[in-house]
Amino acid sequence: MSDTLLDKNKIWQQIDDEKENMLQLWQKLVNVDCGSGNKAGVDFIAQKIEAILKTLGFATTQVEFEKAGNTLVGKIGDTSKDFIVLLGHMDTVFKDGTVAERPFKIVYGKAYGGSLR
């Protein structure tokens, strides 16, 4: 068996082992009203993600904004060499109250939240 296949199998096993923890995290994150205009919600998401990154060894910084949600920057390893950048956003397009209307749930093995209609 090739090393690549072994690595993939190991990754899939780790994902399977962490499935319940991942689903709990997704539920915590999805069940927060964090629309673009909800600074408190976006900042809450940033704090949760920052805590996770720190446990993984990342150095983190939050760029604070007065009216908009903060930006989170995480770095790990030697960034003076070639590196990978992962970008994402922590806000949604949904108005406050959407979480109460459409909370996180799993339907037929698929996770949904906010956008499930």
N, C-alpha and C. Protein backbone atom coordinates (compact mmCIF):
# COMPACT_ATOMS: atom_id res chain seq x y z
N MET A 1 0.85 -1.19 0.00
CA MET A 1 0.00 0.00 0.00
C MET A 1 0.89 1.24 0.00
N SER A 2 0.53 2.24 -0.79
CA SER A 2 1.37 3.43 -0.90
C SER A 2 1.28 4.28 0.36
N ASP A 3 2.34 5.09 0.59
CA ASP A 3 2.35 6.00 1.74
C ASP A 3 1.20 7.00 1.66
N THR A 4 0.89 7.46 0.44
CA THR A 4 -0.19 8.42 0.26
C THR A 4 -1.53 7.83 0.71
N LEU A 5 -1.78 6.59 0.33
CA LEU A 5 -3.03 5.93 0.72
C LEU A 5 -3.08 5.74 2.23
N LEU A 6 -1.96 5.38 2.83
CA LEU A 6 -1.91 5.23 4.29
C LEU A 6 -2.20 6.56 4.97
N ASP A 7 -1.63 7.63 4.44
CA ASP A 7 -1.88 8.95 5.00
C ASP A 7 -3.36 9.32 4.89
N LYS A 8 -3.96 9.04 3.74
CA LYS A 8 -5.38 9.35 3.56
C LYS A 8 -6.22 8.53 4.52
N ASN A 9 -5.90 7.24 4.67
CA ASN A 9 -6.65 6.40 5.58
C ASN A 9 -6.52 6.90 7.02
N LYS A 10 -5.34 7.34 7.39
CA LYS A 10 -5.12 7.87 8.72
C LYS A 10 -5.95 9.13 8.95
N ILE A 11 -5.98 10.00 7.95
CA ILE A 11 -6.77 11.23 8.04
C ILE A 11 -8.26 10.90 8.18
N TRP A 12 -8.76 9.97 7.35
CA TRP A 12 -10.17 9.60 7.44
C TRP A 12 -10.49 9.01 8.81
N GLN A 13 -9.57 8.23 9.36
CA GLN A 13 -9.78 7.65 10.69
C GLN A 13 -9.84 8.74 11.76
N GLN A 14 -8.96 9.74 11.65
CA GLN A 14 -8.98 10.85 12.60
C GLN A 14 -10.30 11.62 12.51
N ILE A 15 -10.78 11.81 11.30
CA ILE A 15 -12.06 12.50 11.12
C ILE A 15 -13.18 11.69 11.76
N ASP A 16 -13.19 10.39 11.51
CA ASP A 16 -14.21 9.54 12.12
C ASP A 16 -14.13 9.58 13.64
N ASP A 17 -12.91 9.56 14.17
CA ASP A 17 -12.72 9.58 15.62
C ASP A 17 -13.22 10.87 16.25
N GLU A 18 -13.15 11.97 15.50
CA GLU A 18 -13.52 13.29 16.02
C GLU A 18 -14.91 13.75 15.58
N LYS A 19 -15.66 12.88 14.93
CA LYS A 19 -16.95 13.27 14.35
C LYS A 19 -17.88 13.93 15.36
N GLU A 20 -18.08 13.33 16.51
CA GLU A 20 -19.01 13.89 17.50
C GLU A 20 -18.52 15.25 18.00
N ASN A 21 -17.22 15.37 18.25
CA ASN A 21 -16.68 16.66 18.68
C ASN A 21 -16.86 17.73 17.61
N MET A 22 -16.63 17.35 16.34
CA MET A 22 -16.81 18.30 15.24
C MET A 22 -18.26 18.75 15.14
N LEU A 23 -19.18 17.79 15.25
CA LEU A 23 -20.60 18.15 15.15
C LEU A 23 -21.02 19.07 16.29
N GLN A 24 -20.51 18.82 17.49
CA GLN A 24 -20.81 19.71 18.62
C GLN A 24 -20.26 21.11 18.38
N LEU A 25 -19.05 21.19 17.84
CA LEU A 25 -18.47 22.50 17.53
C LEU A 25 -19.29 23.21 16.47
N TRP A 26 -19.64 22.51 15.41
CA TRP A 26 -20.45 23.11 14.36
C TRP A 26 -21.75 23.65 14.94
N GLN A 27 -22.38 22.87 15.81
CA GLN A 27 -23.63 23.31 16.41
C GLN A 27 -23.43 24.60 17.21
N LYS A 28 -22.36 24.65 18.00
CA LYS A 28 -22.07 25.87 18.78
C LYS A 28 -21.89 27.08 17.86
N LEU A 29 -21.14 26.90 16.78
CA LEU A 29 -20.85 28.00 15.88
C LEU A 29 -22.06 28.41 15.04
N VAL A 30 -22.76 27.42 14.52
CA VAL A 30 -23.91 27.71 13.65
C VAL A 30 -25.04 28.35 14.44
N ASN A 31 -25.19 28.00 15.70
CA ASN A 31 -26.30 28.52 16.50
C ASN A 31 -25.97 29.86 17.16
N VAL A 32 -25.20 30.68 16.46
CA VAL A 32 -24.90 32.04 16.91
C VAL A 32 -25.34 32.99 15.81
N ASP A 33 -26.21 33.93 16.16
CA ASP A 33 -26.55 34.98 15.20
C ASP A 33 -25.30 35.83 15.01
N CYS A 34 -24.75 35.79 13.80
CA CYS A 34 -23.50 36.52 13.54
C CYS A 34 -23.52 37.12 12.14
N GLY A 35 -24.64 37.78 11.85
CA GLY A 35 -24.73 38.49 10.57
C GLY A 35 -23.69 39.59 10.49
N SER A 36 -23.47 40.09 9.31
CA SER A 36 -22.43 41.09 9.09
C SER A 36 -22.54 42.29 10.02
N GLY A 37 -23.75 42.68 10.39
CA GLY A 37 -23.95 43.82 11.27
C GLY A 37 -23.97 43.48 12.76
N ASN A 38 -23.75 42.21 13.11
CA ASN A 38 -23.80 41.77 14.50
C ASN A 38 -22.38 41.60 15.03
N LYS A 39 -21.78 42.70 15.48
CA LYS A 39 -20.40 42.68 15.96
C LYS A 39 -20.21 41.68 17.09
N ALA A 40 -21.12 41.67 18.05
CA ALA A 40 -20.99 40.77 19.21
C ALA A 40 -20.98 39.31 18.76
N GLY A 41 -21.84 38.96 17.80
CA GLY A 41 -21.88 37.58 17.31
C GLY A 41 -20.61 37.19 16.59
N VAL A 42 -20.13 38.05 15.71
CA VAL A 42 -18.90 37.76 14.96
C VAL A 42 -17.72 37.68 15.92
N ASP A 43 -17.66 38.58 16.89
CA ASP A 43 -16.57 38.55 17.87
C ASP A 43 -16.61 37.26 18.71
N PHE A 44 -17.80 36.78 19.04
CA PHE A 44 -17.94 35.53 19.77
C PHE A 44 -17.37 34.37 18.95
N ILE A 45 -17.71 34.33 17.67
CA ILE A 45 -17.18 33.28 16.79
C ILE A 45 -15.65 33.37 16.73
N ALA A 46 -15.12 34.58 16.62
CA ALA A 46 -13.66 34.77 16.58
C ALA A 46 -13.01 34.22 17.84
N GLN A 47 -13.62 34.46 18.99
CA GLN A 47 -13.06 33.96 20.25
C GLN A 47 -13.05 32.44 20.28
N LYS A 48 -14.13 31.81 19.83
CA LYS A 48 -14.21 30.35 19.82
C LYS A 48 -13.16 29.75 18.88
N ILE A 49 -13.03 30.32 17.68
CA ILE A 49 -12.06 29.80 16.72
C ILE A 49 -10.64 30.07 17.21
N GLU A 50 -10.42 31.22 17.82
CA GLU A 50 -9.09 31.53 18.35
C GLU A 50 -8.68 30.51 19.40
N ALA A 51 -9.60 30.12 20.28
CA ALA A 51 -9.28 29.13 21.32
C ALA A 51 -8.88 27.80 20.69
N ILE A 52 -9.56 27.41 19.63
CA ILE A 52 -9.22 26.16 18.94
C ILE A 52 -7.84 26.26 18.31
N LEU A 53 -7.58 27.36 17.62
CA LEU A 53 -6.27 27.53 16.97
C LEU A 53 -5.14 27.50 17.99
N LYS A 54 -5.36 28.13 19.14
CA LYS A 54 -4.32 28.14 20.16
C LYS A 54 -4.01 26.72 20.66
N THR A 55 -5.04 25.88 20.81
CA THR A 55 -4.79 24.51 21.26
C THR A 55 -4.01 23.72 20.22
N LEU A 56 -4.07 24.16 18.96
CA LEU A 56 -3.34 23.50 17.88
C LEU A 56 -1.93 24.08 17.68
N GLY A 57 -1.57 25.06 18.51
CA GLY A 57 -0.23 25.62 18.44
C GLY A 57 -0.10 26.89 17.61
N PHE A 58 -1.18 27.46 17.18
CA PHE A 58 -1.13 28.69 16.41
C PHE A 58 -0.88 29.89 17.31
N ALA A 59 -0.14 30.86 16.79
CA ALA A 59 -0.05 32.18 17.41
C ALA A 59 -1.19 32.98 16.80
N THR A 60 -1.98 33.63 17.63
CA THR A 60 -3.16 34.33 17.12
C THR A 60 -3.13 35.81 17.48
N THR A 61 -3.79 36.58 16.64
CA THR A 61 -3.98 38.01 16.87
C THR A 61 -5.38 38.35 16.40
N GLN A 62 -6.05 39.20 17.16
CA GLN A 62 -7.34 39.72 16.70
C GLN A 62 -7.16 41.19 16.36
N VAL A 63 -7.59 41.55 15.16
CA VAL A 63 -7.60 42.94 14.74
C VAL A 63 -8.98 43.46 15.11
N GLU A 64 -9.02 44.41 16.02
CA GLU A 64 -10.30 44.88 16.54
C GLU A 64 -10.86 46.04 15.73
N PHE A 65 -12.16 46.01 15.56
CA PHE A 65 -12.88 47.07 14.87
C PHE A 65 -13.98 47.59 15.78
N GLU A 66 -14.25 48.85 15.68
CA GLU A 66 -15.25 49.46 16.55
C GLU A 66 -16.67 49.02 16.19
N LYS A 67 -16.98 49.00 14.91
CA LYS A 67 -18.36 48.73 14.50
C LYS A 67 -18.55 47.39 13.79
N ALA A 68 -17.50 46.83 13.27
CA ALA A 68 -17.58 45.55 12.57
C ALA A 68 -16.95 44.46 13.42
N GLY A 69 -17.28 43.22 13.11
CA GLY A 69 -16.68 42.11 13.82
C GLY A 69 -15.18 42.08 13.64
N ASN A 70 -14.48 41.62 14.66
CA ASN A 70 -13.02 41.57 14.62
C ASN A 70 -12.54 40.56 13.59
N THR A 71 -11.31 40.73 13.15
CA THR A 71 -10.65 39.81 12.25
C THR A 71 -9.67 38.97 13.05
N LEU A 72 -9.62 37.69 12.77
CA LEU A 72 -8.73 36.77 13.47
C LEU A 72 -7.62 36.32 12.53
N VAL A 73 -6.39 36.42 13.00
CA VAL A 73 -5.23 35.97 12.24
C VAL A 73 -4.55 34.89 13.05
N GLY A 74 -4.28 33.75 12.44
CA GLY A 74 -3.56 32.67 13.10
C GLY A 74 -2.36 32.27 12.27
N LYS A 75 -1.23 32.09 12.93
CA LYS A 75 0.00 31.68 12.23
C LYS A 75 0.61 30.50 12.97
N ILE A 76 1.19 29.59 12.18
CA ILE A 76 1.88 28.46 12.76
C ILE A 76 3.08 28.13 11.88
N GLY A 77 4.16 27.77 12.48
CA GLY A 77 5.34 27.39 11.72
C GLY A 77 6.13 28.60 11.24
N ASP A 78 7.05 28.32 10.35
CA ASP A 78 7.97 29.33 9.83
C ASP A 78 7.38 29.97 8.58
N THR A 79 6.81 31.14 8.73
CA THR A 79 6.17 31.81 7.59
C THR A 79 7.17 32.55 6.71
N SER A 80 8.47 32.46 7.02
CA SER A 80 9.47 33.06 6.14
C SER A 80 9.75 32.12 4.95
N LYS A 81 9.27 30.89 5.02
CA LYS A 81 9.39 29.92 3.94
C LYS A 81 8.04 29.82 3.23
N ASP A 82 7.98 29.01 2.19
CA ASP A 82 6.70 28.79 1.52
C ASP A 82 5.67 28.33 2.55
N PHE A 83 4.44 28.86 2.46
CA PHE A 83 3.41 28.48 3.40
C PHE A 83 2.05 28.53 2.72
N ILE A 84 1.07 28.00 3.40
CA ILE A 84 -0.30 27.96 2.91
C ILE A 84 -1.13 28.95 3.71
N VAL A 85 -2.01 29.67 3.03
CA VAL A 85 -2.91 30.61 3.68
C VAL A 85 -4.33 30.06 3.55
N LEU A 86 -5.02 29.96 4.66
CA LEU A 86 -6.43 29.58 4.66
C LEU A 86 -7.23 30.82 5.04
N LEU A 87 -8.19 31.17 4.23
CA LEU A 87 -9.01 32.35 4.48
C LEU A 87 -10.46 31.95 4.65
N GLY A 88 -11.16 32.68 5.47
CA GLY A 88 -12.58 32.43 5.64
C GLY A 88 -13.23 33.65 6.25
N HIS A 89 -14.50 33.56 6.46
CA HIS A 89 -15.19 34.66 7.13
C HIS A 89 -16.04 34.08 8.26
N MET A 90 -16.36 34.93 9.22
CA MET A 90 -17.09 34.46 10.40
C MET A 90 -18.49 35.06 10.47
N ASP A 91 -18.85 35.89 9.51
CA ASP A 91 -20.19 36.47 9.50
C ASP A 91 -21.06 35.71 8.52
N THR A 92 -22.36 35.92 8.65
CA THR A 92 -23.32 35.32 7.73
C THR A 92 -24.14 36.44 7.09
N VAL A 93 -25.01 36.07 6.19
CA VAL A 93 -25.89 37.06 5.57
C VAL A 93 -27.24 37.11 6.28
N PHE A 94 -27.39 36.34 7.33
CA PHE A 94 -28.70 36.20 7.96
C PHE A 94 -28.93 37.24 9.04
N LYS A 95 -30.18 37.68 9.13
CA LYS A 95 -30.57 38.67 10.13
C LYS A 95 -30.62 38.03 11.52
N ASP A 96 -30.51 38.87 12.55
CA ASP A 96 -30.64 38.37 13.91
C ASP A 96 -31.99 37.67 14.06
N GLY A 97 -31.99 36.57 14.76
CA GLY A 97 -33.19 35.78 14.97
C GLY A 97 -33.27 34.57 14.06
N THR A 98 -32.42 34.50 13.06
CA THR A 98 -32.45 33.37 12.13
C THR A 98 -32.11 32.06 12.84
N VAL A 99 -31.20 32.11 13.78
CA VAL A 99 -30.83 30.89 14.51
C VAL A 99 -32.05 30.28 15.20
N ALA A 100 -32.88 31.12 15.80
CA ALA A 100 -34.08 30.62 16.47
C ALA A 100 -35.05 29.99 15.47
N GLU A 101 -35.11 30.57 14.27
CA GLU A 101 -36.00 30.06 13.23
C GLU A 101 -35.46 28.79 12.58
N ARG A 102 -34.14 28.74 12.39
CA ARG A 102 -33.52 27.62 11.67
C ARG A 102 -32.23 27.20 12.36
N PRO A 103 -32.34 26.55 13.51
CA PRO A 103 -31.14 26.14 14.24
C PRO A 103 -30.41 24.98 13.55
N PHE A 104 -29.22 24.73 14.01
CA PHE A 104 -28.41 23.61 13.52
C PHE A 104 -29.20 22.31 13.70
N LYS A 105 -29.16 21.48 12.68
CA LYS A 105 -29.75 20.15 12.80
C LYS A 105 -29.15 19.23 11.76
N ILE A 106 -29.34 17.96 11.98
CA ILE A 106 -28.86 16.95 11.05
C ILE A 106 -30.09 16.25 10.48
N VAL A 107 -30.17 16.24 9.15
CA VAL A 107 -31.29 15.61 8.45
C VAL A 107 -30.71 14.59 7.48
N TYR A 108 -31.07 13.34 7.66
CA TYR A 108 -30.59 12.26 6.79
C TYR A 108 -29.07 12.29 6.65
N GLY A 109 -28.39 12.51 7.77
CA GLY A 109 -26.94 12.47 7.78
C GLY A 109 -26.23 13.71 7.30
N LYS A 110 -26.97 14.77 6.97
CA LYS A 110 -26.36 16.04 6.53
C LYS A 110 -26.63 17.11 7.56
N ALA A 111 -25.60 17.91 7.84
CA ALA A 111 -25.72 19.00 8.81
C ALA A 111 -26.20 20.26 8.12
N TYR A 112 -27.16 20.93 8.75
CA TYR A 112 -27.73 22.17 8.22
C TYR A 112 -27.83 23.20 9.35
N GLY A 113 -27.89 24.45 8.97
CA GLY A 113 -28.16 25.52 9.91
C GLY A 113 -28.23 26.84 9.19
N GLY A 114 -29.16 27.68 9.62
CA GLY A 114 -29.29 29.01 9.03
C GLY A 114 -29.93 29.00 7.66
N SER A 115 -29.38 28.27 6.71
CA SER A 115 -29.87 28.35 5.34
C SER A 115 -30.89 27.27 5.01
N LEU A 116 -31.13 26.34 5.92
CA LEU A 116 -32.11 25.28 5.64
C LEU A 116 -33.50 25.89 5.61
N ARG A 117 -34.22 25.67 4.57
CA ARG A 117 -35.56 26.27 4.44
C ARG A 117 -36.61 25.20 4.43
